PDB file of N, CA and C in Angstrom:
ATOM      1  N   MET A   1      -0.090  30.998 -41.599  1.00  0.00           N
ATOM      2  CA  MET A   1      -0.931  29.908 -41.915  1.00  0.00           C
ATOM      3  C   MET A   1      -1.270  29.215 -40.634  1.00  0.00           C
ATOM      4  N   ALA A   2      -2.647  29.212 -40.433  1.00  0.00           N
ATOM      5  CA  ALA A   2      -3.079  28.490 -39.237  1.00  0.00           C
ATOM      6  C   ALA A   2      -2.818  26.991 -39.311  1.00  0.00           C
ATOM      7  N   GLU A   3      -2.599  26.519 -38.118  1.00  0.00           N
ATOM      8  CA  GLU A   3      -2.226  25.086 -38.076  1.00  0.00           C
ATOM      9  C   GLU A   3      -3.356  24.223 -38.320  1.00  0.00           C
ATOM     10  N   LYS A   4      -3.277  23.298 -39.338  1.00  0.00           N
ATOM     11  CA  LYS A   4      -4.287  22.475 -39.732  1.00  0.00           C
ATOM     12  C   LYS A   4      -3.710  21.015 -39.507  1.00  0.00           C
ATOM     13  N   SER A   5      -4.637  20.152 -39.802  1.00  0.00           N
ATOM     14  CA  SER A   5      -4.211  18.599 -39.761  1.00  0.00           C
ATOM     15  C   SER A   5      -3.404  18.324 -40.972  1.00  0.00           C
ATOM     16  N   TYR A   6      -3.907  18.788 -42.111  1.00  0.00           N
ATOM     17  CA  TYR A   6      -3.154  18.500 -43.417  1.00  0.00           C
ATOM     18  C   TYR A   6      -3.056  19.769 -44.239  1.00  0.00           C
ATOM     19  N   TYR A   7      -1.999  19.863 -45.019  1.00  0.00           N
ATOM     20  CA  TYR A   7      -1.999  20.983 -45.885  1.00  0.00           C
ATOM     21  C   TYR A   7      -1.856  20.396 -47.338  1.00  0.00           C
ATOM     22  N   SER A   8      -2.369  21.170 -48.223  1.00  0.00           N
ATOM     23  CA  SER A   8      -2.275  20.719 -49.603  1.00  0.00           C
ATOM     24  C   SER A   8      -0.918  21.195 -50.158  1.00  0.00           C
ATOM     25  N   ILE A   9      -0.531  20.671 -51.290  1.00  0.00           N
ATOM     26  CA  ILE A   9       0.816  21.028 -51.762  1.00  0.00           C
ATOM     27  C   ILE A   9       0.737  22.534 -52.273  1.00  0.00           C
ATOM     28  N   LYS A  10      -0.352  22.951 -52.635  1.00  0.00           N
ATOM     29  CA  LYS A  10      -0.631  24.327 -52.942  1.00  0.00           C
ATOM     30  C   LYS A  10      -0.483  25.209 -51.745  1.00  0.00           C
ATOM     31  N   ASP A  11      -0.999  24.824 -50.580  1.00  0.00           N
ATOM     32  CA  ASP A  11      -0.706  25.629 -49.318  1.00  0.00           C
ATOM     33  C   ASP A  11       0.738  25.719 -49.054  1.00  0.00           C
ATOM     34  N   VAL A  12       1.493  24.635 -49.190  1.00  0.00           N
ATOM     35  CA  VAL A  12       2.908  24.628 -48.764  1.00  0.00           C
ATOM     36  C   VAL A  12       3.708  25.449 -49.647  1.00  0.00           C
ATOM     37  N   ALA A  13       3.430  25.276 -51.036  1.00  0.00           N
ATOM     38  CA  ALA A  13       4.016  26.162 -51.983  1.00  0.00           C
ATOM     39  C   ALA A  13       3.778  27.683 -51.787  1.00  0.00           C
ATOM     40  N   GLU A  14       2.608  27.904 -51.418  1.00  0.00           N
ATOM     41  CA  GLU A  14       2.313  29.454 -51.280  1.00  0.00           C
ATOM     42  C   GLU A  14       3.022  29.942 -49.894  1.00  0.00           C
ATOM     43  N   LYS A  15       3.011  29.138 -48.845  1.00  0.00           N
ATOM     44  CA  LYS A  15       3.646  29.409 -47.541  1.00  0.00           C
ATOM     45  C   LYS A  15       5.241  29.788 -47.843  1.00  0.00           C
ATOM     46  N   LEU A  16       5.801  28.928 -48.711  1.00  0.00           N
ATOM     47  CA  LEU A  16       7.187  29.117 -48.994  1.00  0.00           C
ATOM     48  C   LEU A  16       7.494  29.951 -50.154  1.00  0.00           C
ATOM     49  N   ASN A  17       6.565  30.249 -50.911  1.00  0.00           N
ATOM     50  CA  ASN A  17       6.731  31.046 -52.189  1.00  0.00           C
ATOM     51  C   ASN A  17       7.684  30.302 -53.157  1.00  0.00           C
ATOM     52  N   VAL A  18       7.343  28.900 -53.294  1.00  0.00           N
ATOM     53  CA  VAL A  18       8.013  28.156 -54.337  1.00  0.00           C
ATOM     54  C   VAL A  18       7.034  27.451 -55.261  1.00  0.00           C
ATOM     55  N   ASN A  19       7.531  26.872 -56.278  1.00  0.00           N
ATOM     56  CA  ASN A  19       6.644  26.207 -57.225  1.00  0.00           C
ATOM     57  C   ASN A  19       6.320  24.853 -56.728  1.00  0.00           C
ATOM     58  N   LEU A  20       5.179  24.369 -57.173  1.00  0.00           N
ATOM     59  CA  LEU A  20       4.739  22.899 -56.831  1.00  0.00           C
ATOM     60  C   LEU A  20       5.741  21.977 -57.285  1.00  0.00           C
ATOM     61  N   SER A  21       6.322  22.199 -58.431  1.00  0.00           N
ATOM     62  CA  SER A  21       7.323  21.252 -59.082  1.00  0.00           C
ATOM     63  C   SER A  21       8.445  21.146 -58.255  1.00  0.00           C
ATOM     64  N   LEU A  22       8.986  22.207 -57.572  1.00  0.00           N
ATOM     65  CA  LEU A  22      10.124  22.160 -56.620  1.00  0.00           C
ATOM     66  C   LEU A  22       9.854  21.332 -55.511  1.00  0.00           C
ATOM     67  N   LEU A  23       8.601  21.377 -54.872  1.00  0.00           N
ATOM     68  CA  LEU A  23       8.147  20.550 -53.798  1.00  0.00           C
ATOM     69  C   LEU A  23       8.219  19.108 -54.149  1.00  0.00           C
ATOM     70  N   ARG A  24       7.601  18.776 -55.327  1.00  0.00           N
ATOM     71  CA  ARG A  24       7.696  17.315 -55.913  1.00  0.00           C
ATOM     72  C   ARG A  24       9.034  16.809 -56.039  1.00  0.00           C
ATOM     73  N   TYR A  25       9.975  17.822 -56.588  1.00  0.00           N
ATOM     74  CA  TYR A  25      11.393  17.411 -56.741  1.00  0.00           C
ATOM     75  C   TYR A  25      12.047  17.122 -55.487  1.00  0.00           C
ATOM     76  N   TRP A  26      11.763  17.933 -54.460  1.00  0.00           N
ATOM     77  CA  TRP A  26      12.409  17.770 -53.120  1.00  0.00           C
ATOM     78  C   TRP A  26      11.920  16.382 -52.574  1.00  0.00           C
ATOM     79  N   GLU A  27      10.715  16.054 -52.808  1.00  0.00           N
ATOM     80  CA  GLU A  27      10.192  14.605 -52.343  1.00  0.00           C
ATOM     81  C   GLU A  27      11.101  13.606 -52.783  1.00  0.00           C
ATOM     82  N   LYS A  28      11.461  13.627 -54.017  1.00  0.00           N
ATOM     83  CA  LYS A  28      12.268  12.710 -54.672  1.00  0.00           C
ATOM     84  C   LYS A  28      13.728  12.690 -54.166  1.00  0.00           C
ATOM     85  N   GLU A  29      14.290  13.930 -53.883  1.00  0.00           N
ATOM     86  CA  GLU A  29      15.642  14.104 -53.483  1.00  0.00           C
ATOM     87  C   GLU A  29      15.834  13.818 -51.871  1.00  0.00           C
ATOM     88  N   PHE A  30      14.697  14.093 -51.139  1.00  0.00           N
ATOM     89  CA  PHE A  30      14.829  14.020 -49.695  1.00  0.00           C
ATOM     90  C   PHE A  30      13.727  12.996 -49.210  1.00  0.00           C
ATOM     91  N   PRO A  31      14.136  11.711 -49.237  1.00  0.00           N
ATOM     92  CA  PRO A  31      13.020  10.685 -48.784  1.00  0.00           C
ATOM     93  C   PRO A  31      12.283  10.890 -47.553  1.00  0.00           C
ATOM     94  N   PHE A  32      12.753  11.789 -46.609  1.00  0.00           N
ATOM     95  CA  PHE A  32      12.038  12.003 -45.359  1.00  0.00           C
ATOM     96  C   PHE A  32      10.889  12.901 -45.560  1.00  0.00           C
ATOM     97  N   ILE A  33      10.874  13.655 -46.728  1.00  0.00           N
ATOM     98  CA  ILE A  33       9.602  14.491 -47.078  1.00  0.00           C
ATOM     99  C   ILE A  33       8.762  13.432 -47.729  1.00  0.00           C
ATOM    100  N   SER A  34       7.791  13.070 -47.075  1.00  0.00           N
ATOM    101  CA  SER A  34       6.925  12.197 -47.584  1.00  0.00           C
ATOM    102  C   SER A  34       5.495  12.360 -47.192  1.00  0.00           C
ATOM    103  N   PRO A  35       4.785  13.230 -47.941  1.00  0.00           N
ATOM    104  CA  PRO A  35       3.364  13.499 -47.525  1.00  0.00           C
ATOM    105  C   PRO A  35       2.556  12.268 -48.076  1.00  0.00           C
ATOM    106  N   LYS A  36       1.429  12.179 -47.142  1.00  0.00           N
ATOM    107  CA  LYS A  36       0.529  11.114 -47.609  1.00  0.00           C
ATOM    108  C   LYS A  36      -0.106  11.482 -48.792  1.00  0.00           C
ATOM    109  N   LYS A  37      -0.551  10.459 -49.651  1.00  0.00           N
ATOM    110  CA  LYS A  37      -1.362  10.632 -50.793  1.00  0.00           C
ATOM    111  C   LYS A  37      -2.714   9.983 -50.719  1.00  0.00           C
ATOM    112  N   THR A  38      -3.666  10.637 -51.230  1.00  0.00           N
ATOM    113  CA  THR A  38      -5.115  10.122 -51.261  1.00  0.00           C
ATOM    114  C   THR A  38      -5.099   8.984 -52.323  1.00  0.00           C
ATOM    115  N   ASP A  39      -6.181   8.433 -52.480  1.00  0.00           N
ATOM    116  CA  ASP A  39      -6.328   7.522 -53.622  1.00  0.00           C
ATOM    117  C   ASP A  39      -6.164   8.047 -54.925  1.00  0.00           C
ATOM    118  N   LYS A  40      -6.432   9.330 -55.089  1.00  0.00           N
ATOM    119  CA  LYS A  40      -6.345  10.018 -56.271  1.00  0.00           C
ATOM    120  C   LYS A  40      -4.962  10.651 -56.525  1.00  0.00           C
ATOM    121  N   GLY A  41      -4.093  10.405 -55.599  1.00  0.00           N
ATOM    122  CA  GLY A  41      -2.665  11.005 -55.629  1.00  0.00           C
ATOM    123  C   GLY A  41      -2.533  12.437 -55.080  1.00  0.00           C
ATOM    124  N   THR A  42      -3.491  13.000 -54.455  1.00  0.00           N
ATOM    125  CA  THR A  42      -3.349  14.260 -53.925  1.00  0.00           C
ATOM    126  C   THR A  42      -2.494  14.211 -52.674  1.00  0.00           C
ATOM    127  N   ARG A  43      -1.538  15.101 -52.576  1.00  0.00           N
ATOM    128  CA  ARG A  43      -0.601  15.095 -51.482  1.00  0.00           C
ATOM    129  C   ARG A  43      -1.214  15.780 -50.289  1.00  0.00           C
ATOM    130  N   ARG A  44      -0.989  15.237 -49.021  1.00  0.00           N
ATOM    131  CA  ARG A  44      -1.536  15.762 -47.820  1.00  0.00           C
ATOM    132  C   ARG A  44      -0.421  15.947 -46.807  1.00  0.00           C
ATOM    133  N   TYR A  45       0.131  17.100 -46.659  1.00  0.00           N
ATOM    134  CA  TYR A  45       1.311  17.371 -45.757  1.00  0.00           C
ATOM    135  C   TYR A  45       0.807  17.514 -44.409  1.00  0.00           C
ATOM    136  N   THR A  46       1.449  16.795 -43.504  1.00  0.00           N
ATOM    137  CA  THR A  46       1.202  16.980 -42.160  1.00  0.00           C
ATOM    138  C   THR A  46       2.069  18.137 -41.516  1.00  0.00           C
ATOM    139  N   GLN A  47       1.918  18.425 -40.268  1.00  0.00           N
ATOM    140  CA  GLN A  47       2.667  19.610 -39.764  1.00  0.00           C
ATOM    141  C   GLN A  47       4.211  19.077 -39.804  1.00  0.00           C
ATOM    142  N   GLU A  48       4.489  17.807 -39.504  1.00  0.00           N
ATOM    143  CA  GLU A  48       5.842  17.234 -39.668  1.00  0.00           C
ATOM    144  C   GLU A  48       6.427  17.297 -41.049  1.00  0.00           C
ATOM    145  N   ASN A  49       5.613  16.997 -41.942  1.00  0.00           N
ATOM    146  CA  ASN A  49       6.076  17.133 -43.418  1.00  0.00           C
ATOM    147  C   ASN A  49       6.453  18.579 -43.711  1.00  0.00           C
ATOM    148  N   LEU A  50       5.550  19.521 -43.274  1.00  0.00           N
ATOM    149  CA  LEU A  50       5.748  20.917 -43.442  1.00  0.00           C
ATOM    150  C   LEU A  50       7.108  21.354 -42.852  1.00  0.00           C
ATOM    151  N   ASN A  51       7.307  20.980 -41.737  1.00  0.00           N
ATOM    152  CA  ASN A  51       8.583  21.306 -40.921  1.00  0.00           C
ATOM    153  C   ASN A  51       9.832  20.669 -41.772  1.00  0.00           C
ATOM    154  N   ASP A  52       9.682  19.519 -42.275  1.00  0.00           N
ATOM    155  CA  ASP A  52      10.772  18.918 -43.083  1.00  0.00           C
ATOM    156  C   ASP A  52      11.010  19.779 -44.300  1.00  0.00           C
ATOM    157  N   VAL A  53       9.937  20.221 -44.990  1.00  0.00           N
ATOM    158  CA  VAL A  53      10.060  21.027 -46.103  1.00  0.00           C
ATOM    159  C   VAL A  53      10.722  22.290 -45.801  1.00  0.00           C
ATOM    160  N   LYS A  54      10.340  22.870 -44.664  1.00  0.00           N
ATOM    161  CA  LYS A  54      10.889  24.139 -44.252  1.00  0.00           C
ATOM    162  C   LYS A  54      12.390  23.985 -43.917  1.00  0.00           C
ATOM    163  N   LEU A  55      12.790  22.939 -43.386  1.00  0.00           N
ATOM    164  CA  LEU A  55      14.169  22.561 -43.137  1.00  0.00           C
ATOM    165  C   LEU A  55      15.029  22.624 -44.403  1.00  0.00           C
ATOM    166  N   VAL A  56      14.584  21.900 -45.446  1.00  0.00           N
ATOM    167  CA  VAL A  56      15.260  21.869 -46.721  1.00  0.00           C
ATOM    168  C   VAL A  56      15.218  23.211 -47.284  1.00  0.00           C
ATOM    169  N   TYR A  57      14.146  23.881 -47.194  1.00  0.00           N
ATOM    170  CA  TYR A  57      14.049  25.226 -47.746  1.00  0.00           C
ATOM    171  C   TYR A  57      15.136  26.269 -47.141  1.00  0.00           C
ATOM    172  N   TYR A  58      15.207  26.074 -45.803  1.00  0.00           N
ATOM    173  CA  TYR A  58      16.222  26.796 -45.031  1.00  0.00           C
ATOM    174  C   TYR A  58      17.617  26.602 -45.559  1.00  0.00           C
ATOM    175  N   LEU A  59      17.918  25.282 -45.751  1.00  0.00           N
ATOM    176  CA  LEU A  59      19.335  24.945 -46.225  1.00  0.00           C
ATOM    177  C   LEU A  59      19.617  25.360 -47.596  1.00  0.00           C
ATOM    178  N   VAL A  60      18.741  24.963 -48.422  1.00  0.00           N
ATOM    179  CA  VAL A  60      18.872  25.230 -49.930  1.00  0.00           C
ATOM    180  C   VAL A  60      18.712  26.635 -50.335  1.00  0.00           C
ATOM    181  N   LYS A  61      17.600  27.279 -49.893  1.00  0.00           N
ATOM    182  CA  LYS A  61      17.288  28.593 -50.286  1.00  0.00           C
ATOM    183  C   LYS A  61      17.767  29.751 -49.506  1.00  0.00           C
ATOM    184  N   GLU A  62      17.825  29.508 -48.205  1.00  0.00           N
ATOM    185  CA  GLU A  62      18.384  30.610 -47.368  1.00  0.00           C
ATOM    186  C   GLU A  62      19.945  30.517 -47.069  1.00  0.00           C
ATOM    187  N   LYS A  63      20.311  29.286 -46.882  1.00  0.00           N
ATOM    188  CA  LYS A  63      21.786  29.060 -46.549  1.00  0.00           C
ATOM    189  C   LYS A  63      22.556  28.912 -47.968  1.00  0.00           C
ATOM    190  N   LYS A  64      21.912  28.761 -49.059  1.00  0.00           N
ATOM    191  CA  LYS A  64      22.465  28.559 -50.358  1.00  0.00           C
ATOM    192  C   LYS A  64      23.307  27.290 -50.419  1.00  0.00           C
ATOM    193  N   MET A  65      22.956  26.244 -49.872  1.00  0.00           N
ATOM    194  CA  MET A  65      23.550  24.943 -49.975  1.00  0.00           C
ATOM    195  C   MET A  65      23.206  24.213 -51.186  1.00  0.00           C
ATOM    196  N   THR A  66      24.021  23.439 -51.697  1.00  0.00           N
ATOM    197  CA  THR A  66      23.610  22.554 -52.748  1.00  0.00           C
ATOM    198  C   THR A  66      22.749  21.474 -52.287  1.00  0.00           C
ATOM    199  N   LEU A  67      22.095  20.787 -53.192  1.00  0.00           N
ATOM    200  CA  LEU A  67      21.208  19.645 -52.661  1.00  0.00           C
ATOM    201  C   LEU A  67      22.023  18.613 -52.048  1.00  0.00           C
ATOM    202  N   GLU A  68      23.182  18.314 -52.675  1.00  0.00           N
ATOM    203  CA  GLU A  68      24.119  17.311 -52.077  1.00  0.00           C
ATOM    204  C   GLU A  68      24.602  17.657 -50.760  1.00  0.00           C
ATOM    205  N   GLY A  69      25.013  18.908 -50.703  1.00  0.00           N
ATOM    206  CA  GLY A  69      25.480  19.473 -49.344  1.00  0.00           C
ATOM    207  C   GLY A  69      24.477  19.334 -48.194  1.00  0.00           C
ATOM    208  N   ALA A  70      23.219  19.744 -48.581  1.00  0.00           N
ATOM    209  CA  ALA A  70      22.027  19.611 -47.707  1.00  0.00           C
ATOM    210  C   ALA A  70      21.777  18.196 -47.295  1.00  0.00           C
ATOM    211  N   LYS A  71      21.882  17.271 -48.241  1.00  0.00           N
ATOM    212  CA  LYS A  71      21.593  15.801 -47.980  1.00  0.00           C
ATOM    213  C   LYS A  71      22.570  15.234 -47.170  1.00  0.00           C
ATOM    214  N   LYS A  72      23.892  15.703 -47.383  1.00  0.00           N
ATOM    215  CA  LYS A  72      24.915  15.172 -46.402  1.00  0.00           C
ATOM    216  C   LYS A  72      24.906  15.780 -45.068  1.00  0.00           C
ATOM    217  N   LEU A  73      24.501  16.960 -44.934  1.00  0.00           N
ATOM    218  CA  LEU A  73      24.378  17.591 -43.681  1.00  0.00           C
ATOM    219  C   LEU A  73      23.291  16.898 -42.830  1.00  0.00           C
ATOM    220  N   LEU A  74      22.096  16.780 -43.618  1.00  0.00           N
ATOM    221  CA  LEU A  74      20.979  16.067 -42.908  1.00  0.00           C
ATOM    222  C   LEU A  74      21.167  14.734 -42.633  1.00  0.00           C
ATOM    223  N   ARG A  75      21.904  13.999 -43.401  1.00  0.00           N
ATOM    224  CA  ARG A  75      22.266  12.592 -43.142  1.00  0.00           C
ATOM    225  C   ARG A  75      23.102  12.476 -41.983  1.00  0.00           C
ATOM    226  N   ASP A  76      24.222  13.291 -41.936  1.00  0.00           N
ATOM    227  CA  ASP A  76      25.092  13.313 -40.822  1.00  0.00           C
ATOM    228  C   ASP A  76      24.595  13.833 -39.487  1.00  0.00           C
ATOM    229  N   ASN A  77      23.775  14.957 -39.428  1.00  0.00           N
ATOM    230  CA  ASN A  77      23.394  15.457 -38.234  1.00  0.00           C
ATOM    231  C   ASN A  77      22.039  16.241 -38.381  1.00  0.00           C
ATOM    232  N   LYS A  78      21.020  15.513 -38.729  1.00  0.00           N
ATOM    233  CA  LYS A  78      19.641  16.051 -38.914  1.00  0.00           C
ATOM    234  C   LYS A  78      19.230  16.710 -37.586  1.00  0.00           C
ATOM    235  N   ASP A  79      19.321  16.026 -36.482  1.00  0.00           N
ATOM    236  CA  ASP A  79      18.971  16.624 -35.162  1.00  0.00           C
ATOM    237  C   ASP A  79      19.624  17.981 -34.843  1.00  0.00           C
ATOM    238  N   GLY A  80      20.916  18.032 -35.240  1.00  0.00           N
ATOM    239  CA  GLY A  80      21.639  19.360 -35.003  1.00  0.00           C
ATOM    240  C   GLY A  80      21.174  20.436 -35.882  1.00  0.00           C
ATOM    241  N   VAL A  81      20.818  20.094 -37.071  1.00  0.00           N
ATOM    242  CA  VAL A  81      20.367  21.106 -38.060  1.00  0.00           C
ATOM    243  C   VAL A  81      18.938  21.530 -37.597  1.00  0.00           C
ATOM    244  N   ILE A  82      18.074  20.559 -37.136  1.00  0.00           N
ATOM    245  CA  ILE A  82      16.728  20.930 -36.663  1.00  0.00           C
ATOM    246  C   ILE A  82      16.950  21.941 -35.402  1.00  0.00           C
ATOM    247  N   LYS A  83      17.747  21.584 -34.538  1.00  0.00           N
ATOM    248  CA  LYS A  83      18.002  22.530 -33.318  1.00  0.00           C
ATOM    249  C   LYS A  83      18.507  23.904 -33.739  1.00  0.00           C
ATOM    250  N   ASN A  84      19.470  23.961 -34.657  1.00  0.00           N
ATOM    251  CA  ASN A  84      20.048  25.198 -35.018  1.00  0.00           C
ATOM    252  C   ASN A  84      18.953  26.037 -35.813  1.00  0.00           C
ATOM    253  N   HIS A  85      18.197  25.344 -36.665  1.00  0.00           N
ATOM    254  CA  HIS A  85      17.083  26.023 -37.402  1.00  0.00           C
ATOM    255  C   HIS A  85      16.118  26.666 -36.407  1.00  0.00           C
ATOM    256  N   ALA A  86      15.708  25.885 -35.407  1.00  0.00           N
ATOM    257  CA  ALA A  86      14.709  26.304 -34.358  1.00  0.00           C
ATOM    258  C   ALA A  86      15.314  27.496 -33.675  1.00  0.00           C
ATOM    259  N   ILE A  87      16.601  27.466 -33.389  1.00  0.00           N
ATOM    260  CA  ILE A  87      17.299  28.654 -32.661  1.00  0.00           C
ATOM    261  C   ILE A  87      17.179  29.809 -33.480  1.00  0.00           C
ATOM    262  N   ILE A  88      17.518  29.793 -34.791  1.00  0.00           N
ATOM    263  CA  ILE A  88      17.436  30.906 -35.741  1.00  0.00           C
ATOM    264  C   ILE A  88      16.150  31.462 -35.924  1.00  0.00           C
ATOM    265  N   LEU A  89      15.158  30.623 -35.842  1.00  0.00           N
ATOM    266  CA  LEU A  89      13.651  31.025 -36.080  1.00  0.00           C
ATOM    267  C   LEU A  89      13.355  31.811 -34.704  1.00  0.00           C
ATOM    268  N   ARG A  90      13.688  31.219 -33.493  1.00  0.00           N
ATOM    269  CA  ARG A  90      13.469  32.065 -32.295  1.00  0.00           C
ATOM    270  C   ARG A  90      14.123  33.424 -32.279  1.00  0.00           C
ATOM    271  N   LEU A  91      15.384  33.446 -32.616  1.00  0.00           N
ATOM    272  CA  LEU A  91      16.088  34.707 -32.684  1.00  0.00           C
ATOM    273  C   LEU A  91      15.515  35.673 -33.679  1.00  0.00           C
ATOM    274  N   GLN A  92      15.010  35.147 -34.875  1.00  0.00           N
ATOM    275  CA  GLN A  92      14.367  36.083 -35.829  1.00  0.00           C
ATOM    276  C   GLN A  92      13.028  36.560 -35.219  1.00  0.00           C
ATOM    277  N   ASN A  93      12.287  35.786 -34.528  1.00  0.00           N
ATOM    278  CA  ASN A  93      11.057  36.223 -33.845  1.00  0.00           C
ATOM    279  C   ASN A  93      11.414  37.194 -32.802  1.00  0.00           C
ATOM    280  N   MET A  94      12.363  37.036 -32.037  1.00  0.00           N
ATOM    281  CA  MET A  94      12.796  38.101 -31.008  1.00  0.00           C
ATOM    282  C   MET A  94      13.214  39.299 -31.703  1.00  0.00           C
ATOM    283  N   GLN A  95      13.874  39.295 -32.782  1.00  0.00           N
ATOM    284  CA  GLN A  95      14.274  40.564 -33.437  1.00  0.00           C
ATOM    285  C   GLN A  95      13.032  41.245 -33.949  1.00  0.00           C
ATOM    286  N   LYS A  96      12.080  40.607 -34.412  1.00  0.00           N
ATOM    287  CA  LYS A  96      10.849  41.252 -34.807  1.00  0.00           C
ATOM    288  C   LYS A  96      10.223  41.986 -33.615  1.00  0.00           C
ATOM    289  N   GLU A  97      10.062  41.225 -32.468  1.00  0.00           N
ATOM    290  CA  GLU A  97       9.591  41.701 -31.277  1.00  0.00           C
ATOM    291  C   GLU A  97      10.296  43.065 -30.887  1.00  0.00           C
ATOM    292  N   ILE A  98      11.668  43.006 -30.939  1.00  0.00           N
ATOM    293  CA  ILE A  98      12.461  44.156 -30.396  1.00  0.00           C
ATOM    294  C   ILE A  98      12.160  45.255 -31.413  1.00  0.00           C
ATOM    295  N   ARG A  99      12.058  45.067 -32.705  1.00  0.00           N
ATOM    296  CA  ARG A  99      11.749  46.127 -33.719  1.00  0.00           C
ATOM    297  C   ARG A  99      10.283  46.785 -33.305  1.00  0.00           C
ATOM    298  N   LEU A 100       9.366  45.897 -32.983  1.00  0.00           N
ATOM    299  CA  LEU A 100       8.110  46.448 -32.758  1.00  0.00           C
ATOM    300  C   LEU A 100       8.091  47.354 -31.448  1.00  0.00           C
ATOM    301  N   LEU A 101       8.812  46.746 -30.431  1.00  0.00           N
ATOM    302  CA  LEU A 101       8.972  47.553 -29.117  1.00  0.00           C
ATOM    303  C   LEU A 101       9.600  48.807 -29.385  1.00  0.00           C
ATOM    304  N   LYS A 102      10.672  48.843 -30.210  1.00  0.00           N
ATOM    305  CA  LYS A 102      11.393  50.192 -30.489  1.00  0.00           C
ATOM    306  C   LYS A 102      10.399  51.078 -31.187  1.00  0.00           C
ATOM    307  N   GLU A 103       9.672  50.633 -32.062  1.00  0.00           N
ATOM    308  CA  GLU A 103       8.723  51.494 -32.927  1.00  0.00           C
ATOM    309  C   GLU A 103       7.776  52.035 -31.894  1.00  0.00           C
ATOM    310  N   GLN A 104       7.195  51.151 -31.009  1.00  0.00           N
ATOM    311  CA  GLN A 104       6.229  51.659 -29.941  1.00  0.00           C
ATOM    312  C   GLN A 104       6.756  52.727 -29.043  1.00  0.00           C
ATOM    313  N   PHE A 105       7.996  52.464 -28.586  1.00  0.00           N
ATOM    314  CA  PHE A 105       8.762  53.361 -27.769  1.00  0.00           C
ATOM    315  C   PHE A 105       8.950  54.634 -28.415  1.00  0.00           C
ATOM    316  N   ASN A 106       9.414  54.618 -29.603  1.00  0.00           N
ATOM    317  CA  ASN A 106       9.557  55.991 -30.369  1.00  0.00           C
ATOM    318  C   ASN A 106       8.209  56.669 -30.638  1.00  0.00           C
ATOM    319  N   VAL A 107       7.134  56.069 -30.752  1.00  0.00           N
ATOM    320  CA  VAL A 107       5.786  56.603 -30.810  1.00  0.00           C
ATOM    321  C   VAL A 107       5.437  57.337 -29.500  1.00  0.00           C
ATOM    322  N   ALA A 108       5.706  56.642 -28.375  1.00  0.00           N
ATOM    323  CA  ALA A 108       5.383  56.985 -27.095  1.00  0.00           C
ATOM    324  C   ALA A 108       6.268  58.313 -26.784  1.00  0.00           C
ATOM    325  N   MET A 109       7.520  58.135 -27.008  1.00  0.00           N
ATOM    326  CA  MET A 109       8.355  59.353 -26.790  1.00  0.00           C
ATOM    327  C   MET A 109       7.925  60.561 -27.631  1.00  0.00           C
ATOM    328  N   GLU A 110       7.592  60.321 -28.804  1.00  0.00           N
ATOM    329  CA  GLU A 110       7.147  61.565 -29.626  1.00  0.00           C
ATOM    330  C   GLU A 110       5.779  62.093 -29.048  1.00  0.00           C
ATOM    331  N   GLU A 111       4.859  61.241 -28.681  1.00  0.00           N
ATOM    332  CA  GLU A 111       3.697  61.712 -28.012  1.00  0.00           C
ATOM    333  C   GLU A 111       3.978  62.489 -26.800  1.00  0.00           C
ATOM    334  N   ASN A 112       4.859  61.933 -25.925  1.00  0.00           N
ATOM    335  CA  ASN A 112       5.184  62.699 -24.718  1.00  0.00           C
ATOM    336  C   ASN A 112       5.924  64.021 -25.085  1.00  0.00           C
ATOM    337  N   LYS A 113       6.649  64.041 -26.024  1.00  0.00           N
ATOM    338  CA  LYS A 113       7.427  65.314 -26.437  1.00  0.00           C
ATOM    339  C   LYS A 113       6.351  66.326 -26.882  1.00  0.00           C
ATOM    340  N   ASN A 114       5.385  65.828 -27.629  1.00  0.00           N
ATOM    341  CA  ASN A 114       4.188  66.761 -28.123  1.00  0.00           C
ATOM    342  C   ASN A 114       3.344  67.191 -26.979  1.00  0.00           C
ATOM    343  N   ASP A 115       3.097  66.269 -25.940  1.00  0.00           N
ATOM    344  CA  ASP A 115       2.277  66.664 -24.874  1.00  0.00           C
ATOM    345  C   ASP A 115       2.998  67.648 -24.010  1.00  0.00           C
ATOM    346  N   GLN A 116       4.249  67.698 -23.812  1.00  0.00           N
ATOM    347  CA  GLN A 116       5.116  68.507 -23.007  1.00  0.00           C
ATOM    348  C   GLN A 116       5.158  69.895 -23.628  1.00  0.00           C
ATOM    349  N   SER A 117       5.160  70.018 -25.125  1.00  0.00           N
ATOM    350  CA  SER A 117       5.242  71.308 -25.686  1.00  0.00           C
ATOM    351  C   SER A 117       3.966  72.075 -25.743  1.00  0.00           C
ATOM    352  N   ILE A 118       2.848  71.509 -25.270  1.00  0.00           N
ATOM    353  CA  ILE A 118       1.554  72.219 -25.216  1.00  0.00           C
ATOM    354  C   ILE A 118       1.298  72.982 -24.089  1.00  0.00           C
TER     355      ILE A 118
END
């Protein structure tokens, strides 16, 4: 998803593959998730809001924490959780890059082997 000034709730739900109702529920459970609302009540998520939702998603969906456990952890050490999550994301990106390099290396080796057999 390209970085925008604001994301709709639908954009955020699609990005995380969750229901709109789950995002609305998390807004109630985690007060720091507070997208701006237009006069008509349409939610407009900033990049910071999106990052907050991703953090909750990471704890609840990926780490399988309960809502209460996630709330407590974020209340006690939100900065530490944010830093750990950022490190995990960087490591996952590195892992993808390494896989891609390995695939490219294997293709190059196969091409080299084919060239030498001609």
